[in-house]
Protein backbone atom coordinates (compact mmCIF):
# COMPACT_ATOMS: atom_id res chain seq x y z
CA MET A 1 -123.15 -31.53 90.75
CA THR A 2 -126.46 -30.67 89.24
CA LEU A 3 -125.98 -26.05 88.31
CA CYS A 4 -129.70 -24.65 88.56
CA LEU A 5 -130.50 -21.39 86.49
CA GLU A 6 -132.37 -19.23 88.33
CA MET A 7 -135.76 -17.35 87.22
CA LEU A 8 -135.89 -14.17 88.26
CA ASN A 9 -137.79 -10.95 88.22
CA SER A 10 -137.01 -7.97 86.23
CA ARG A 11 -139.97 -5.91 87.48
CA VAL A 12 -139.30 -4.77 91.12
CA ASP A 13 -136.82 -2.24 90.81
CA VAL A 14 -135.28 -2.69 94.67
CA ASP A 15 -132.08 -4.03 95.90
CA MET A 16 -132.47 -7.65 96.02
CA LYS A 17 -136.25 -8.16 95.70
CA GLY A 18 -135.89 -7.48 91.74
CA HIS A 19 -133.35 -7.88 88.94
CA PRO A 20 -134.07 -5.54 85.99
CA GLY A 21 -132.17 -5.99 83.17
CA TYR A 22 -131.54 -10.04 84.39
CA MET A 23 -132.45 -12.49 80.69
CA GLY A 24 -134.03 -15.11 82.22
CA ASP A 25 -136.83 -13.60 83.75
CA HIS A 26 -139.49 -15.44 82.68
CA MET A 27 -139.86 -19.45 83.12
CA ASP A 28 -140.62 -20.37 79.26
CA TRP A 29 -137.47 -18.79 78.55
CA CYS A 30 -135.39 -20.57 81.06
CA ILE A 31 -136.41 -23.38 80.43
CA ASP A 32 -136.03 -23.08 76.85
CA VAL A 33 -132.21 -22.76 77.83
CA ILE A 34 -131.87 -25.42 79.67
CA GLU A 35 -133.83 -28.06 76.79
CA ARG A 36 -131.19 -26.22 74.13
CA VAL A 37 -128.04 -27.30 76.42
CA GLY A 38 -129.62 -30.53 76.54
CA SER A 39 -128.21 -31.70 80.12
CA PRO A 40 -129.80 -33.75 82.93
CA ARG A 41 -126.98 -31.56 85.12
CA LEU A 42 -129.19 -28.62 84.22
CA LYS A 43 -132.07 -27.90 86.15
CA VAL A 44 -134.32 -24.64 86.71
CA LEU A 45 -134.48 -23.02 90.39
CA PHE A 46 -137.78 -22.22 91.06
CA ASP A 47 -138.42 -19.67 92.90
CA PHE A 48 -142.26 -18.86 93.73
CA TYR A 49 -141.55 -15.37 94.34
CA HIS A 50 -140.07 -14.05 91.06
CA VAL A 51 -142.15 -16.50 89.27
CA GLN A 52 -145.53 -15.23 91.05
CA ILE A 53 -144.58 -11.86 90.07
CA MET A 54 -143.24 -11.91 86.23
CA ASP A 55 -145.07 -14.84 85.10
CA GLY A 56 -147.79 -15.85 87.82
CA ASP A 57 -149.42 -19.54 87.77
CA ASN A 58 -146.48 -21.49 90.39
CA ILE A 59 -148.89 -24.42 90.83
CA VAL A 60 -149.34 -24.57 86.89
CA ARG A 61 -145.61 -23.91 86.11
CA LEU A 62 -144.89 -26.69 88.45
CA ARG A 63 -146.93 -29.00 86.78
CA GLN A 64 -145.67 -28.10 83.66
CA TYR A 65 -141.73 -27.82 84.67
CA LYS A 66 -141.49 -30.23 87.24
CA ASP A 67 -138.97 -32.33 85.38
CA TYR A 68 -136.68 -29.18 85.12
CA VAL A 69 -137.14 -28.23 89.18
CA GLY A 70 -133.32 -28.66 90.82
CA HIS A 71 -134.05 -26.54 93.59
CA ILE A 72 -137.31 -24.30 95.17
CA HIS A 73 -137.31 -20.74 97.28
CA THR A 74 -140.04 -18.82 99.05
CA ALA A 75 -140.59 -15.15 99.82
CA GLY A 76 -144.03 -13.69 100.22
CA VAL A 77 -145.54 -11.40 97.84
CA PRO A 78 -145.31 -8.33 97.78
CA GLY A 79 -142.02 -7.47 99.60
CA ARG A 80 -139.80 -10.16 99.34
CA PHE A 81 -140.89 -10.99 103.01
CA GLU A 82 -141.57 -13.67 105.21
CA LEU A 83 -144.80 -16.14 104.51
CA SER A 84 -147.71 -15.18 105.75
CA GLY A 85 -152.10 -15.03 105.55
CA ARG A 86 -150.59 -11.39 104.81
CA GLN A 87 -149.11 -12.44 101.60
CA GLU A 88 -150.55 -13.54 98.12
CA ILE A 89 -149.46 -17.05 97.56
CA ASN A 90 -150.51 -20.38 98.91
CA TYR A 91 -147.46 -21.83 100.52
CA ARG A 92 -149.61 -24.67 101.84
CA ALA A 93 -151.13 -25.23 98.58
CA LEU A 94 -147.77 -24.95 97.09
CA MET A 95 -146.12 -27.51 98.88
CA GLU A 96 -148.93 -30.07 98.46
CA GLU A 97 -148.35 -29.83 95.16
CA LEU A 98 -144.58 -30.94 95.40
CA VAL A 99 -145.76 -33.66 97.54
CA ASP A 100 -148.23 -34.59 94.56
CA LEU A 101 -145.41 -34.14 91.90
CA ASN A 102 -143.04 -36.44 94.31
CA TYR A 103 -140.37 -33.90 94.04
CA GLN A 104 -136.92 -34.67 96.40
CA GLY A 105 -135.52 -31.46 96.43
CA TYR A 106 -134.74 -28.84 99.14
CA VAL A 107 -136.72 -25.66 99.43
CA GLY A 108 -134.76 -23.35 100.62
CA GLN A 109 -136.52 -20.12 102.78
CA GLU A 110 -135.51 -17.04 100.73
CA PHE A 111 -137.18 -13.74 102.53
CA PHE A 112 -136.71 -10.49 104.68
CA VAL A 113 -137.65 -10.51 108.06
CA THR A 114 -140.05 -7.00 108.75
CA THR A 115 -137.94 -6.65 111.93
CA GLU A 116 -134.26 -7.01 113.06
CA THR A 117 -134.66 -8.77 116.25
CA ARG A 118 -133.41 -11.97 116.37
CA GLU A 119 -136.14 -13.52 118.49
CA PHE A 120 -139.00 -12.37 115.85
CA ALA A 121 -136.97 -13.42 112.85
CA TYR A 122 -136.03 -17.08 115.06
CA GLU A 123 -140.22 -17.15 115.25
CA LYS A 124 -140.69 -16.40 111.46
CA LEU A 125 -138.70 -18.63 110.03
CA LYS A 126 -140.40 -21.40 111.90
CA GLU A 127 -143.60 -20.53 111.20
CA ALA A 128 -142.31 -20.81 107.45
CA VAL A 129 -141.19 -24.05 108.55
CA GLU A 130 -144.15 -25.22 109.10
CA ILE A 131 -146.78 -23.51 106.77
CA CYS A 132 -144.40 -25.84 104.22
CA ASP A 133 -144.27 -28.80 106.30
CA VAL A 134 -147.14 -31.12 104.79
């Protein structure tokens, strides 16, 4: 079993979009904890949404911490909404970087949809999968 420490943002004070007061709110802090524990069974959950808000430089951080990544999450910035051209994160580039880094784990789509209809939600999930399928 591998335990993943998730870096979460502490800036956004909206339920389920941010976590004010969360200690592990910077990637460097989380990696320091993982290094101190010193176990190959402790990894970081690299959530592109949270990293973008707190630290930015997702691709640089992926390269820097590739050996520590145990799982990936996606969500659009701002708002933690579906992946689209209206968001500031370029998910195709991030997925291509994961391929280049030989990432073998899973990518979890973890976003809110901007409507409540099941059909729209399904279409947005399908679009997100297409964006991330490189």
